[in-house]
Each structure stands twice: as structure tokens, then as C-alpha cells.
N, C-alpha and C. Protein backbone atom coordinates (compact mmCIF):
# COMPACT_ATOMS: atom_id res chain seq x y z
N MET A 1 -48.25 -32.12 27.07
CA MET A 1 -47.93 -31.22 25.97
C MET A 1 -46.79 -30.30 26.39
N GLY A 2 -45.76 -30.20 25.54
CA GLY A 2 -44.59 -29.42 25.89
C GLY A 2 -44.85 -27.92 25.90
N GLN A 3 -43.93 -27.21 26.52
CA GLN A 3 -44.05 -25.76 26.58
C GLN A 3 -43.86 -25.16 25.19
N GLU A 4 -44.71 -24.22 24.85
CA GLU A 4 -44.65 -23.59 23.53
C GLU A 4 -43.37 -22.76 23.40
N LEU A 5 -42.66 -22.94 22.30
CA LEU A 5 -41.45 -22.18 22.05
C LEU A 5 -41.80 -20.85 21.39
N LYS A 6 -41.15 -19.80 21.84
CA LYS A 6 -41.40 -18.49 21.27
C LYS A 6 -40.12 -17.94 20.66
N ARG A 7 -40.28 -17.21 19.57
CA ARG A 7 -39.12 -16.65 18.88
C ARG A 7 -38.57 -15.48 19.67
N ILE A 8 -37.25 -15.40 19.73
CA ILE A 8 -36.60 -14.27 20.41
C ILE A 8 -35.67 -13.58 19.42
N VAL A 9 -35.33 -12.34 19.71
CA VAL A 9 -34.41 -11.57 18.89
C VAL A 9 -33.35 -10.97 19.80
N VAL A 10 -32.09 -11.17 19.49
CA VAL A 10 -31.00 -10.57 20.25
C VAL A 10 -30.73 -9.20 19.65
N THR A 11 -31.00 -8.17 20.42
CA THR A 11 -30.85 -6.80 19.90
C THR A 11 -29.57 -6.12 20.36
N GLY A 12 -28.94 -6.65 21.39
CA GLY A 12 -27.70 -6.04 21.89
C GLY A 12 -26.84 -7.07 22.59
N ILE A 13 -25.54 -6.85 22.54
CA ILE A 13 -24.58 -7.79 23.13
C ILE A 13 -23.62 -7.03 24.02
N GLY A 14 -23.38 -7.57 25.21
CA GLY A 14 -22.36 -7.04 26.11
C GLY A 14 -21.44 -8.17 26.54
N VAL A 15 -20.15 -7.92 26.57
CA VAL A 15 -19.19 -8.99 26.86
C VAL A 15 -18.07 -8.49 27.78
N LEU A 16 -17.84 -9.24 28.84
CA LEU A 16 -16.61 -9.13 29.63
C LEU A 16 -16.04 -10.54 29.68
N SER A 17 -14.91 -10.74 29.06
CA SER A 17 -14.37 -12.10 28.97
C SER A 17 -12.85 -12.07 29.04
N PRO A 18 -12.22 -13.23 29.23
CA PRO A 18 -10.76 -13.28 29.27
C PRO A 18 -10.10 -12.91 27.94
N ILE A 19 -10.88 -12.85 26.85
CA ILE A 19 -10.29 -12.48 25.56
C ILE A 19 -10.88 -11.19 25.01
N GLY A 20 -11.50 -10.40 25.86
CA GLY A 20 -12.02 -9.12 25.40
C GLY A 20 -13.00 -8.52 26.38
N LEU A 21 -12.92 -7.20 26.58
CA LEU A 21 -13.78 -6.52 27.53
C LEU A 21 -14.94 -5.81 26.86
N ASN A 22 -15.17 -6.12 25.61
CA ASN A 22 -16.36 -5.66 24.88
C ASN A 22 -16.54 -6.59 23.69
N LYS A 23 -17.64 -6.46 22.99
CA LYS A 23 -17.94 -7.44 21.94
C LYS A 23 -16.95 -7.37 20.78
N GLU A 24 -16.42 -6.15 20.50
CA GLU A 24 -15.46 -6.02 19.39
C GLU A 24 -14.16 -6.74 19.71
N GLU A 25 -13.61 -6.49 20.92
CA GLU A 25 -12.38 -7.18 21.32
C GLU A 25 -12.59 -8.69 21.38
N PHE A 26 -13.73 -9.08 21.91
CA PHE A 26 -14.06 -10.50 22.04
C PHE A 26 -14.10 -11.18 20.68
N TRP A 27 -14.79 -10.56 19.72
CA TRP A 27 -14.91 -11.16 18.39
C TRP A 27 -13.56 -11.22 17.68
N ASP A 28 -12.78 -10.15 17.78
CA ASP A 28 -11.46 -10.13 17.15
C ASP A 28 -10.57 -11.23 17.71
N SER A 29 -10.62 -11.42 19.02
CA SER A 29 -9.81 -12.46 19.66
C SER A 29 -10.26 -13.85 19.24
N LEU A 30 -11.57 -14.05 19.15
CA LEU A 30 -12.07 -15.33 18.67
C LEU A 30 -11.60 -15.60 17.25
N TYR A 31 -11.71 -14.59 16.41
CA TYR A 31 -11.34 -14.73 15.00
C TYR A 31 -9.86 -15.06 14.85
N GLN A 32 -9.05 -14.48 15.75
CA GLN A 32 -7.60 -14.71 15.68
C GLN A 32 -7.17 -15.95 16.45
N GLY A 33 -8.11 -16.62 17.10
CA GLY A 33 -7.79 -17.84 17.84
C GLY A 33 -7.01 -17.61 19.12
N LYS A 34 -7.18 -16.45 19.75
CA LYS A 34 -6.45 -16.15 20.98
C LYS A 34 -6.98 -16.96 22.15
N SER A 35 -6.11 -17.34 23.04
CA SER A 35 -6.49 -18.05 24.26
C SER A 35 -6.61 -17.06 25.41
N GLY A 36 -7.56 -17.32 26.30
CA GLY A 36 -7.72 -16.46 27.46
C GLY A 36 -6.91 -16.94 28.66
N ALA A 37 -6.24 -18.07 28.54
CA ALA A 37 -5.48 -18.64 29.65
C ALA A 37 -4.16 -17.91 29.84
N ALA A 38 -3.80 -17.69 31.12
CA ALA A 38 -2.54 -17.01 31.46
C ALA A 38 -2.25 -17.29 32.94
N PRO A 39 -1.04 -16.99 33.40
CA PRO A 39 -0.73 -17.19 34.82
C PRO A 39 -1.71 -16.45 35.73
N ILE A 40 -2.07 -17.08 36.83
CA ILE A 40 -3.02 -16.48 37.77
C ILE A 40 -2.42 -15.25 38.43
N THR A 41 -3.19 -14.17 38.45
CA THR A 41 -2.75 -12.92 39.08
C THR A 41 -3.69 -12.45 40.18
N TYR A 42 -4.88 -13.03 40.27
CA TYR A 42 -5.87 -12.57 41.25
C TYR A 42 -5.50 -12.98 42.68
N PHE A 43 -4.66 -14.01 42.82
CA PHE A 43 -4.20 -14.44 44.13
C PHE A 43 -2.89 -15.21 43.93
N ASN A 44 -2.20 -15.48 45.01
CA ASN A 44 -0.94 -16.20 44.96
C ASN A 44 -1.22 -17.69 44.76
N ALA A 45 -0.90 -18.19 43.60
CA ALA A 45 -1.19 -19.59 43.26
C ALA A 45 0.04 -20.47 43.33
N ALA A 46 1.09 -20.01 43.99
CA ALA A 46 2.36 -20.74 44.01
C ALA A 46 2.23 -22.14 44.59
N ASP A 47 1.33 -22.34 45.54
CA ASP A 47 1.20 -23.64 46.19
C ASP A 47 0.19 -24.56 45.51
N PHE A 48 -0.39 -24.10 44.41
CA PHE A 48 -1.39 -24.90 43.71
C PHE A 48 -0.75 -25.65 42.54
N ALA A 49 -1.30 -26.82 42.24
CA ALA A 49 -0.79 -27.60 41.11
C ALA A 49 -1.02 -26.87 39.79
N THR A 50 -2.14 -26.17 39.71
CA THR A 50 -2.45 -25.40 38.50
C THR A 50 -2.23 -23.93 38.79
N THR A 51 -1.46 -23.27 37.96
CA THR A 51 -1.12 -21.86 38.21
C THR A 51 -1.58 -20.95 37.08
N PHE A 52 -2.46 -21.47 36.23
CA PHE A 52 -3.01 -20.62 35.16
C PHE A 52 -4.53 -20.65 35.22
N ALA A 53 -5.14 -19.61 34.67
CA ALA A 53 -6.60 -19.51 34.64
C ALA A 53 -6.99 -18.52 33.56
N CYS A 54 -8.27 -18.40 33.33
CA CYS A 54 -8.78 -17.44 32.34
C CYS A 54 -9.39 -16.27 33.09
N GLU A 55 -8.58 -15.29 33.43
CA GLU A 55 -9.01 -14.10 34.16
C GLU A 55 -9.33 -12.96 33.20
N LEU A 56 -10.07 -11.97 33.70
CA LEU A 56 -10.24 -10.74 32.92
C LEU A 56 -8.94 -9.97 32.96
N LYS A 57 -8.47 -9.56 31.81
CA LYS A 57 -7.18 -8.88 31.72
C LYS A 57 -7.39 -7.38 31.49
N GLY A 58 -6.72 -6.58 32.31
CA GLY A 58 -6.83 -5.13 32.16
C GLY A 58 -8.15 -4.57 32.64
N PHE A 59 -8.87 -5.36 33.44
CA PHE A 59 -10.20 -4.91 33.89
C PHE A 59 -10.09 -4.09 35.17
N SER A 60 -10.79 -2.97 35.19
CA SER A 60 -10.96 -2.17 36.40
C SER A 60 -12.40 -1.69 36.43
N ALA A 61 -13.12 -2.05 37.48
CA ALA A 61 -14.53 -1.68 37.56
C ALA A 61 -14.73 -0.17 37.51
N GLU A 62 -13.76 0.58 38.01
CA GLU A 62 -13.88 2.03 38.05
C GLU A 62 -13.81 2.67 36.67
N ASN A 63 -13.44 1.90 35.66
CA ASN A 63 -13.49 2.41 34.29
C ASN A 63 -14.92 2.43 33.76
N TYR A 64 -15.83 1.79 34.49
CA TYR A 64 -17.20 1.66 34.03
C TYR A 64 -18.23 2.22 35.02
N ILE A 65 -17.96 2.05 36.32
CA ILE A 65 -18.89 2.50 37.34
C ILE A 65 -18.12 3.25 38.42
N ASP A 66 -18.82 4.10 39.17
CA ASP A 66 -18.13 4.90 40.18
C ASP A 66 -17.59 4.01 41.30
N ARG A 67 -16.58 4.52 41.98
CA ARG A 67 -15.86 3.72 42.97
C ARG A 67 -16.76 3.28 44.12
N LYS A 68 -17.64 4.18 44.59
CA LYS A 68 -18.51 3.84 45.71
C LYS A 68 -19.42 2.67 45.36
N SER A 69 -20.00 2.72 44.16
CA SER A 69 -20.86 1.62 43.72
C SER A 69 -20.07 0.33 43.55
N ALA A 70 -18.88 0.45 42.96
CA ALA A 70 -18.04 -0.73 42.73
C ALA A 70 -17.67 -1.41 44.04
N ASP A 71 -17.39 -0.61 45.08
CA ASP A 71 -17.00 -1.17 46.38
C ASP A 71 -18.13 -1.94 47.04
N ARG A 72 -19.36 -1.66 46.63
CA ARG A 72 -20.52 -2.32 47.23
C ARG A 72 -21.04 -3.47 46.36
N MET A 73 -20.26 -3.86 45.38
CA MET A 73 -20.62 -4.98 44.51
C MET A 73 -19.52 -6.03 44.53
N ASP A 74 -19.91 -7.28 44.57
CA ASP A 74 -18.96 -8.37 44.34
C ASP A 74 -18.54 -8.32 42.87
N PRO A 75 -17.34 -8.79 42.54
CA PRO A 75 -16.92 -8.79 41.14
C PRO A 75 -17.94 -9.42 40.19
N TYR A 76 -18.60 -10.50 40.61
CA TYR A 76 -19.56 -11.14 39.71
C TYR A 76 -20.69 -10.17 39.37
N CYS A 77 -21.08 -9.36 40.34
CA CYS A 77 -22.15 -8.38 40.12
C CYS A 77 -21.65 -7.23 39.24
N GLN A 78 -20.42 -6.81 39.45
CA GLN A 78 -19.82 -5.79 38.59
C GLN A 78 -19.83 -6.24 37.14
N TYR A 79 -19.42 -7.48 36.90
CA TYR A 79 -19.38 -8.00 35.53
C TYR A 79 -20.78 -7.97 34.90
N ALA A 80 -21.77 -8.40 35.68
CA ALA A 80 -23.14 -8.46 35.17
C ALA A 80 -23.66 -7.07 34.82
N VAL A 81 -23.44 -6.11 35.71
CA VAL A 81 -23.93 -4.74 35.50
C VAL A 81 -23.27 -4.10 34.29
N ILE A 82 -21.97 -4.30 34.17
CA ILE A 82 -21.23 -3.69 33.05
C ILE A 82 -21.62 -4.32 31.72
N ALA A 83 -21.70 -5.65 31.68
CA ALA A 83 -22.09 -6.33 30.44
C ALA A 83 -23.52 -5.96 30.04
N ALA A 84 -24.40 -5.83 31.03
CA ALA A 84 -25.78 -5.44 30.74
C ALA A 84 -25.84 -4.03 30.16
N ALA A 85 -25.03 -3.12 30.72
CA ALA A 85 -25.00 -1.75 30.20
C ALA A 85 -24.48 -1.73 28.77
N GLN A 86 -23.47 -2.54 28.49
CA GLN A 86 -22.96 -2.64 27.12
C GLN A 86 -24.04 -3.14 26.17
N ALA A 87 -24.76 -4.18 26.59
CA ALA A 87 -25.80 -4.77 25.75
C ALA A 87 -26.92 -3.78 25.49
N LEU A 88 -27.29 -3.03 26.52
CA LEU A 88 -28.37 -2.05 26.36
C LEU A 88 -27.95 -0.94 25.41
N THR A 89 -26.73 -0.46 25.53
CA THR A 89 -26.22 0.56 24.61
C THR A 89 -26.16 0.02 23.20
N ASP A 90 -25.67 -1.21 23.06
CA ASP A 90 -25.55 -1.83 21.74
C ASP A 90 -26.91 -2.02 21.08
N SER A 91 -27.94 -2.26 21.87
CA SER A 91 -29.28 -2.50 21.33
C SER A 91 -29.91 -1.25 20.73
N GLY A 92 -29.53 -0.08 21.27
CA GLY A 92 -30.15 1.16 20.81
C GLY A 92 -31.56 1.35 21.34
N LEU A 93 -31.97 0.51 22.28
CA LEU A 93 -33.33 0.62 22.83
C LEU A 93 -33.48 1.89 23.67
N GLU A 94 -34.61 2.53 23.53
CA GLU A 94 -34.97 3.66 24.38
C GLU A 94 -36.02 3.15 25.37
N LEU A 95 -35.59 2.87 26.58
CA LEU A 95 -36.48 2.23 27.54
C LEU A 95 -37.70 3.07 27.87
N LYS A 96 -37.57 4.38 27.80
CA LYS A 96 -38.69 5.26 28.12
C LYS A 96 -39.81 5.17 27.08
N GLU A 97 -39.48 4.62 25.92
CA GLU A 97 -40.47 4.49 24.85
C GLU A 97 -41.13 3.12 24.83
N ILE A 98 -40.76 2.25 25.78
CA ILE A 98 -41.27 0.88 25.80
C ILE A 98 -42.20 0.71 27.00
N ASP A 99 -43.29 -0.01 26.80
CA ASP A 99 -44.22 -0.32 27.88
C ASP A 99 -43.45 -1.03 28.99
N PRO A 100 -43.38 -0.45 30.20
CA PRO A 100 -42.59 -1.06 31.27
C PRO A 100 -43.10 -2.43 31.71
N LEU A 101 -44.36 -2.76 31.39
CA LEU A 101 -44.89 -4.06 31.74
C LEU A 101 -44.46 -5.14 30.75
N ARG A 102 -43.75 -4.76 29.69
CA ARG A 102 -43.31 -5.72 28.69
C ARG A 102 -41.80 -5.86 28.64
N ILE A 103 -41.13 -5.42 29.68
CA ILE A 103 -39.67 -5.50 29.69
C ILE A 103 -39.19 -5.74 31.11
N GLY A 104 -38.10 -6.47 31.26
CA GLY A 104 -37.59 -6.78 32.59
C GLY A 104 -36.17 -7.32 32.51
N VAL A 105 -35.70 -7.87 33.60
CA VAL A 105 -34.32 -8.36 33.70
C VAL A 105 -34.33 -9.83 34.09
N VAL A 106 -33.59 -10.64 33.35
CA VAL A 106 -33.35 -12.04 33.71
C VAL A 106 -31.84 -12.24 33.73
N HIS A 107 -31.32 -12.73 34.83
CA HIS A 107 -29.88 -12.94 34.93
C HIS A 107 -29.61 -14.32 35.52
N GLY A 108 -28.67 -15.04 34.94
CA GLY A 108 -28.31 -16.37 35.43
C GLY A 108 -27.03 -16.31 36.25
N SER A 109 -27.02 -16.99 37.38
CA SER A 109 -25.83 -17.04 38.22
C SER A 109 -25.70 -18.43 38.82
N GLY A 110 -24.49 -18.97 38.78
CA GLY A 110 -24.28 -20.30 39.33
C GLY A 110 -24.26 -20.32 40.84
N ILE A 111 -23.73 -19.24 41.49
CA ILE A 111 -23.60 -19.29 42.95
C ILE A 111 -23.62 -17.92 43.60
N GLY A 112 -23.21 -16.86 42.94
CA GLY A 112 -23.24 -15.54 43.57
C GLY A 112 -21.85 -15.02 43.92
N GLY A 113 -21.79 -14.17 44.96
CA GLY A 113 -20.57 -13.44 45.28
C GLY A 113 -19.58 -14.18 46.14
N MET A 114 -18.86 -15.12 45.59
CA MET A 114 -17.93 -15.92 46.38
C MET A 114 -16.67 -15.15 46.77
N THR A 115 -16.30 -14.12 46.01
CA THR A 115 -15.18 -13.28 46.42
C THR A 115 -15.52 -12.57 47.72
N THR A 116 -16.75 -12.07 47.80
CA THR A 116 -17.22 -11.43 49.03
C THR A 116 -17.27 -12.42 50.18
N TYR A 117 -17.77 -13.63 49.93
CA TYR A 117 -17.85 -14.66 50.96
C TYR A 117 -16.46 -14.95 51.53
N ASP A 118 -15.48 -15.12 50.65
CA ASP A 118 -14.12 -15.42 51.08
C ASP A 118 -13.55 -14.27 51.94
N LYS A 119 -13.73 -13.05 51.47
CA LYS A 119 -13.19 -11.89 52.19
C LYS A 119 -13.83 -11.73 53.56
N GLN A 120 -15.15 -11.85 53.64
CA GLN A 120 -15.83 -11.64 54.91
C GLN A 120 -15.59 -12.79 55.89
N PHE A 121 -15.44 -14.01 55.36
CA PHE A 121 -15.13 -15.13 56.24
C PHE A 121 -13.75 -14.95 56.85
N ARG A 122 -12.81 -14.45 56.06
CA ARG A 122 -11.47 -14.16 56.58
C ARG A 122 -11.54 -13.06 57.64
N ASN A 123 -12.36 -12.04 57.39
CA ASN A 123 -12.55 -10.98 58.39
C ASN A 123 -13.03 -11.56 59.71
N TYR A 124 -14.00 -12.46 59.61
CA TYR A 124 -14.56 -13.09 60.81
C TYR A 124 -13.50 -13.88 61.58
N LEU A 125 -12.72 -14.69 60.86
CA LEU A 125 -11.71 -15.52 61.51
C LEU A 125 -10.57 -14.71 62.10
N GLU A 126 -10.15 -13.67 61.40
CA GLU A 126 -8.95 -12.93 61.79
C GLU A 126 -9.24 -11.71 62.66
N ARG A 127 -10.45 -11.13 62.50
CA ARG A 127 -10.72 -9.86 63.19
C ARG A 127 -12.00 -9.88 64.02
N GLY A 128 -12.75 -10.96 63.92
CA GLY A 128 -13.94 -11.08 64.75
C GLY A 128 -15.22 -10.69 64.02
N PRO A 129 -16.39 -11.06 64.58
CA PRO A 129 -17.67 -10.84 63.91
C PRO A 129 -18.03 -9.38 63.70
N ARG A 130 -17.51 -8.48 64.53
CA ARG A 130 -17.83 -7.06 64.37
C ARG A 130 -17.19 -6.45 63.13
N ARG A 131 -16.27 -7.18 62.52
CA ARG A 131 -15.59 -6.67 61.32
C ARG A 131 -16.24 -7.19 60.04
N ILE A 132 -17.34 -7.92 60.17
CA ILE A 132 -18.07 -8.37 58.99
C ILE A 132 -18.85 -7.19 58.41
N SER A 133 -18.76 -6.98 57.13
CA SER A 133 -19.41 -5.83 56.49
C SER A 133 -20.94 -5.96 56.55
N PRO A 134 -21.65 -4.85 56.77
CA PRO A 134 -23.11 -4.90 56.72
C PRO A 134 -23.63 -5.17 55.32
N PHE A 135 -22.75 -5.06 54.33
CA PHE A 135 -23.14 -5.34 52.94
C PHE A 135 -22.85 -6.79 52.55
N PHE A 136 -22.42 -7.59 53.53
CA PHE A 136 -22.03 -8.98 53.25
C PHE A 136 -23.12 -9.73 52.48
N ILE A 137 -24.32 -9.82 53.02
CA ILE A 137 -25.38 -10.60 52.38
C ILE A 137 -25.85 -9.95 51.08
N PRO A 138 -26.10 -8.63 51.04
CA PRO A 138 -26.50 -8.04 49.75
C PRO A 138 -25.47 -8.22 48.64
N MET A 139 -24.19 -8.31 49.00
CA MET A 139 -23.16 -8.52 47.99
C MET A 139 -23.00 -9.98 47.62
N LEU A 140 -23.48 -10.87 48.48
CA LEU A 140 -23.28 -12.31 48.29
C LEU A 140 -24.38 -12.97 47.48
N ILE A 141 -25.63 -12.63 47.73
CA ILE A 141 -26.76 -13.36 47.16
C ILE A 141 -26.74 -13.35 45.63
N PRO A 142 -27.12 -14.48 45.01
CA PRO A 142 -27.02 -14.60 43.55
C PRO A 142 -27.98 -13.70 42.77
N ASP A 143 -29.08 -13.27 43.41
CA ASP A 143 -30.03 -12.45 42.67
C ASP A 143 -29.74 -10.96 42.74
N ILE A 144 -28.65 -10.57 43.43
CA ILE A 144 -28.35 -9.14 43.54
C ILE A 144 -27.93 -8.55 42.19
N ALA A 145 -27.35 -9.37 41.32
CA ALA A 145 -26.95 -8.85 40.01
C ALA A 145 -28.17 -8.40 39.21
N ALA A 146 -29.20 -9.26 39.16
CA ALA A 146 -30.43 -8.87 38.47
C ALA A 146 -31.04 -7.63 39.12
N GLY A 147 -31.01 -7.59 40.45
CA GLY A 147 -31.55 -6.43 41.16
C GLY A 147 -30.79 -5.16 40.85
N GLN A 148 -29.46 -5.26 40.81
CA GLN A 148 -28.64 -4.07 40.54
C GLN A 148 -28.83 -3.58 39.11
N ILE A 149 -28.95 -4.51 38.16
CA ILE A 149 -29.23 -4.13 36.78
C ILE A 149 -30.58 -3.42 36.71
N SER A 150 -31.56 -3.93 37.43
CA SER A 150 -32.89 -3.32 37.45
C SER A 150 -32.83 -1.90 38.00
N ILE A 151 -32.07 -1.71 39.07
CA ILE A 151 -31.94 -0.38 39.66
C ILE A 151 -31.27 0.58 38.69
N ASP A 152 -30.19 0.13 38.06
CA ASP A 152 -29.44 1.00 37.15
C ASP A 152 -30.23 1.38 35.91
N THR A 153 -31.15 0.52 35.49
CA THR A 153 -31.90 0.76 34.26
C THR A 153 -33.35 1.17 34.52
N ASP A 154 -33.75 1.26 35.80
CA ASP A 154 -35.13 1.59 36.18
C ASP A 154 -36.13 0.54 35.71
N LEU A 155 -35.69 -0.70 35.54
CA LEU A 155 -36.59 -1.79 35.18
C LEU A 155 -37.04 -2.48 36.46
N TRP A 156 -37.95 -1.87 37.16
CA TRP A 156 -38.33 -2.32 38.50
C TRP A 156 -39.48 -3.32 38.48
N VAL A 157 -40.21 -3.43 37.39
CA VAL A 157 -41.44 -4.21 37.40
C VAL A 157 -41.18 -5.70 37.44
N ARG A 158 -40.31 -6.19 36.58
CA ARG A 158 -40.09 -7.64 36.48
C ARG A 158 -38.61 -7.95 36.56
N THR A 159 -38.22 -8.69 37.57
CA THR A 159 -36.83 -9.11 37.74
C THR A 159 -36.83 -10.58 38.10
N MET A 160 -36.05 -11.36 37.36
CA MET A 160 -36.00 -12.80 37.61
C MET A 160 -34.57 -13.27 37.78
N LEU A 161 -34.40 -14.22 38.67
CA LEU A 161 -33.14 -14.93 38.84
C LEU A 161 -33.34 -16.33 38.33
N ARG A 162 -32.45 -16.78 37.47
CA ARG A 162 -32.51 -18.15 36.97
C ARG A 162 -31.47 -18.97 37.72
N LEU A 163 -31.93 -19.97 38.47
CA LEU A 163 -31.04 -20.82 39.24
C LEU A 163 -30.89 -22.17 38.56
N PRO A 164 -29.70 -22.51 38.12
CA PRO A 164 -29.50 -23.81 37.47
C PRO A 164 -29.52 -24.94 38.48
N PRO A 165 -29.99 -26.13 38.09
CA PRO A 165 -29.96 -27.29 38.98
C PRO A 165 -28.53 -27.78 39.19
N VAL A 166 -28.34 -28.70 40.11
CA VAL A 166 -27.01 -29.19 40.45
C VAL A 166 -26.30 -29.77 39.23
N ARG A 167 -27.05 -30.41 38.34
CA ARG A 167 -26.41 -31.06 37.20
C ARG A 167 -25.96 -30.06 36.13
N HIS A 168 -26.30 -28.80 36.30
CA HIS A 168 -25.92 -27.78 35.33
C HIS A 168 -24.42 -27.53 35.42
N ARG A 169 -23.71 -27.74 34.34
CA ARG A 169 -22.25 -27.60 34.37
C ARG A 169 -21.74 -26.42 33.56
N CYS A 170 -22.62 -25.57 33.11
CA CYS A 170 -22.19 -24.42 32.33
C CYS A 170 -21.75 -23.29 33.24
N THR A 171 -20.81 -22.49 32.77
CA THR A 171 -20.41 -21.32 33.54
C THR A 171 -21.50 -20.27 33.45
N PRO A 172 -21.57 -19.34 34.44
CA PRO A 172 -22.61 -18.31 34.39
C PRO A 172 -22.62 -17.53 33.08
N SER A 173 -21.44 -17.29 32.48
CA SER A 173 -21.40 -16.52 31.25
C SER A 173 -22.09 -17.25 30.10
N LEU A 174 -22.21 -18.59 30.21
CA LEU A 174 -22.84 -19.36 29.16
C LEU A 174 -24.28 -19.72 29.48
N THR A 175 -24.76 -19.27 30.63
CA THR A 175 -26.10 -19.65 31.06
C THR A 175 -27.18 -19.35 30.03
N PRO A 176 -27.19 -18.16 29.40
CA PRO A 176 -28.25 -17.90 28.42
C PRO A 176 -28.25 -18.91 27.28
N ILE A 177 -27.08 -19.38 26.85
CA ILE A 177 -27.00 -20.34 25.77
C ILE A 177 -27.55 -21.69 26.22
N CYS A 178 -27.26 -22.06 27.47
CA CYS A 178 -27.64 -23.37 27.96
C CYS A 178 -29.09 -23.44 28.45
N SER A 179 -29.68 -22.31 28.72
CA SER A 179 -30.98 -22.30 29.37
C SER A 179 -32.07 -22.97 28.54
N PHE A 180 -31.88 -23.06 27.23
CA PHE A 180 -32.89 -23.67 26.39
C PHE A 180 -32.98 -25.18 26.60
N ARG A 181 -31.96 -25.78 27.22
CA ARG A 181 -31.93 -27.23 27.39
C ARG A 181 -32.09 -27.66 28.85
N LEU A 182 -32.33 -26.71 29.73
CA LEU A 182 -32.37 -27.04 31.15
C LEU A 182 -33.66 -26.58 31.79
N GLU A 183 -33.98 -27.20 32.91
CA GLU A 183 -35.11 -26.74 33.71
C GLU A 183 -34.58 -25.68 34.67
N TRP A 184 -35.36 -24.62 34.84
CA TRP A 184 -34.93 -23.53 35.70
C TRP A 184 -35.96 -23.24 36.77
N GLN A 185 -35.49 -22.73 37.88
CA GLN A 185 -36.39 -22.20 38.90
C GLN A 185 -36.52 -20.70 38.63
N THR A 186 -37.73 -20.21 38.51
CA THR A 186 -37.95 -18.81 38.23
C THR A 186 -38.48 -18.11 39.48
N ILE A 187 -37.87 -16.99 39.82
CA ILE A 187 -38.31 -16.19 40.97
C ILE A 187 -38.86 -14.88 40.44
N TRP A 188 -40.14 -14.62 40.67
CA TRP A 188 -40.80 -13.42 40.17
C TRP A 188 -40.84 -12.36 41.26
N SER A 189 -40.80 -11.12 40.84
CA SER A 189 -40.94 -10.03 41.79
C SER A 189 -42.38 -9.98 42.29
N PRO A 190 -42.62 -9.41 43.50
CA PRO A 190 -43.99 -9.32 44.03
C PRO A 190 -44.95 -8.60 43.09
N VAL A 191 -44.46 -7.55 42.40
CA VAL A 191 -45.32 -6.81 41.48
C VAL A 191 -45.78 -7.70 40.35
N ASP A 192 -44.85 -8.50 39.81
CA ASP A 192 -45.22 -9.35 38.69
C ASP A 192 -46.10 -10.52 39.11
N GLN A 193 -45.88 -11.02 40.33
CA GLN A 193 -46.74 -12.09 40.84
C GLN A 193 -48.18 -11.61 40.93
N LYS A 194 -48.38 -10.37 41.35
CA LYS A 194 -49.72 -9.82 41.45
C LYS A 194 -50.36 -9.69 40.08
N ARG A 195 -49.57 -9.26 39.08
CA ARG A 195 -50.07 -9.15 37.73
C ARG A 195 -50.48 -10.51 37.18
N ARG A 196 -49.64 -11.55 37.44
CA ARG A 196 -49.90 -12.89 36.92
C ARG A 196 -51.16 -13.49 37.55
N SER A 197 -51.40 -13.17 38.82
CA SER A 197 -52.56 -13.73 39.50
C SER A 197 -53.88 -13.17 38.95
N HIS A 198 -53.82 -11.99 38.31
CA HIS A 198 -55.03 -11.37 37.75
C HIS A 198 -55.17 -11.59 36.25
N SER A 199 -54.18 -12.26 35.65
CA SER A 199 -54.21 -12.48 34.19
C SER A 199 -54.98 -13.76 33.85
């Protein structure tokens, strides 16, 4: 017997994309048929066959979060935290008025903080192991985005990371759309595991 489907309601939307840094910009760009593709600016792509990509344009993490916090997050985590904050604001939800046992964070990530991995690996090769940041692993792991969202919103009870299987070809930004057709590995927090064992 298949898993029972339950109705969901989308109450808020947050967007960071190559065609808009919030849902209004994103929708307007979609409506106008704008492309997010442009010459690569995040690194020197002169030696690559392809020199264009869909990057975030005009994005600065410090416009949304303080510099100290931003420096301790990989870009993928920054995007997740900022989009989640936008969605929460858009929803109008008052978290203090909701039973904390009925709300939590689920975030999908294809691989985690690869920008951090690249930077720290270069540090190791060029400057030695003592120059590897102590924040290397916390910034790299794929579940840190869900954890950081939980910290920022005080949703400590239930936090899940959704890990797509190898055959999953969707980008992390599309993971929520694709999750209905894929099998996922679910990681529960220790608090929630204890609750489930007594239910």
C-alpha cells in the first residue's frame, strides 16, 4: 500500500535566482521572458569552452545578514537562509503563536558547500594544513543550511535534511518541486526521534 498523500499549503515564498533576488523581481522577469544567463563573473572562465552561466546578479550577503555571520557561511547556506527568511516574512506566520512540535525545517541540498571546499583545499595545497579554517566542515556539510535556518528562526525541535539519490538531476533550488516524485533519505533530529519512538 502506497504512502498516504497529504494536502499542503504554500503560505510564503522566498527566491534568490539569476532573474530576481526576491519573488517580485523573479515573477516580473519570468513574465517578461528574461534570461538569467550572462558572462561568468564569479571566477576567470577565459580558459573554459563555456564562458556563460546563470549567476546571482547584484547579490551581496551583507545586504541581508551581518558580515560576521556571512563569513561563516558558504554561499549555498547564505542563499538558503536568506530565501527562508523571505518566505517566513511573506507567510505572515507568527512562530511564537504556533505549537513548536508542529513546525520545523526541511531543506534540500544536492552536495553542500563546494565553494568552501575549493577555497580550503587551495589553502591546504598552497599554505599548508595549519591554514585550513576551523569552520571548514561546518561550512561544508549539506545539512548546515537547515541547521542555520533553525537557529535563526528558533525552530530547534525538528530539522530535516533531504538527500537526493544519485539519479536525481534537479538543481537544489528545484528540489521541493521534484521531491514528490523521488525517494528521499530523511534525517531526524535526536529530539524528534525520541518523540517518534513514543508515538
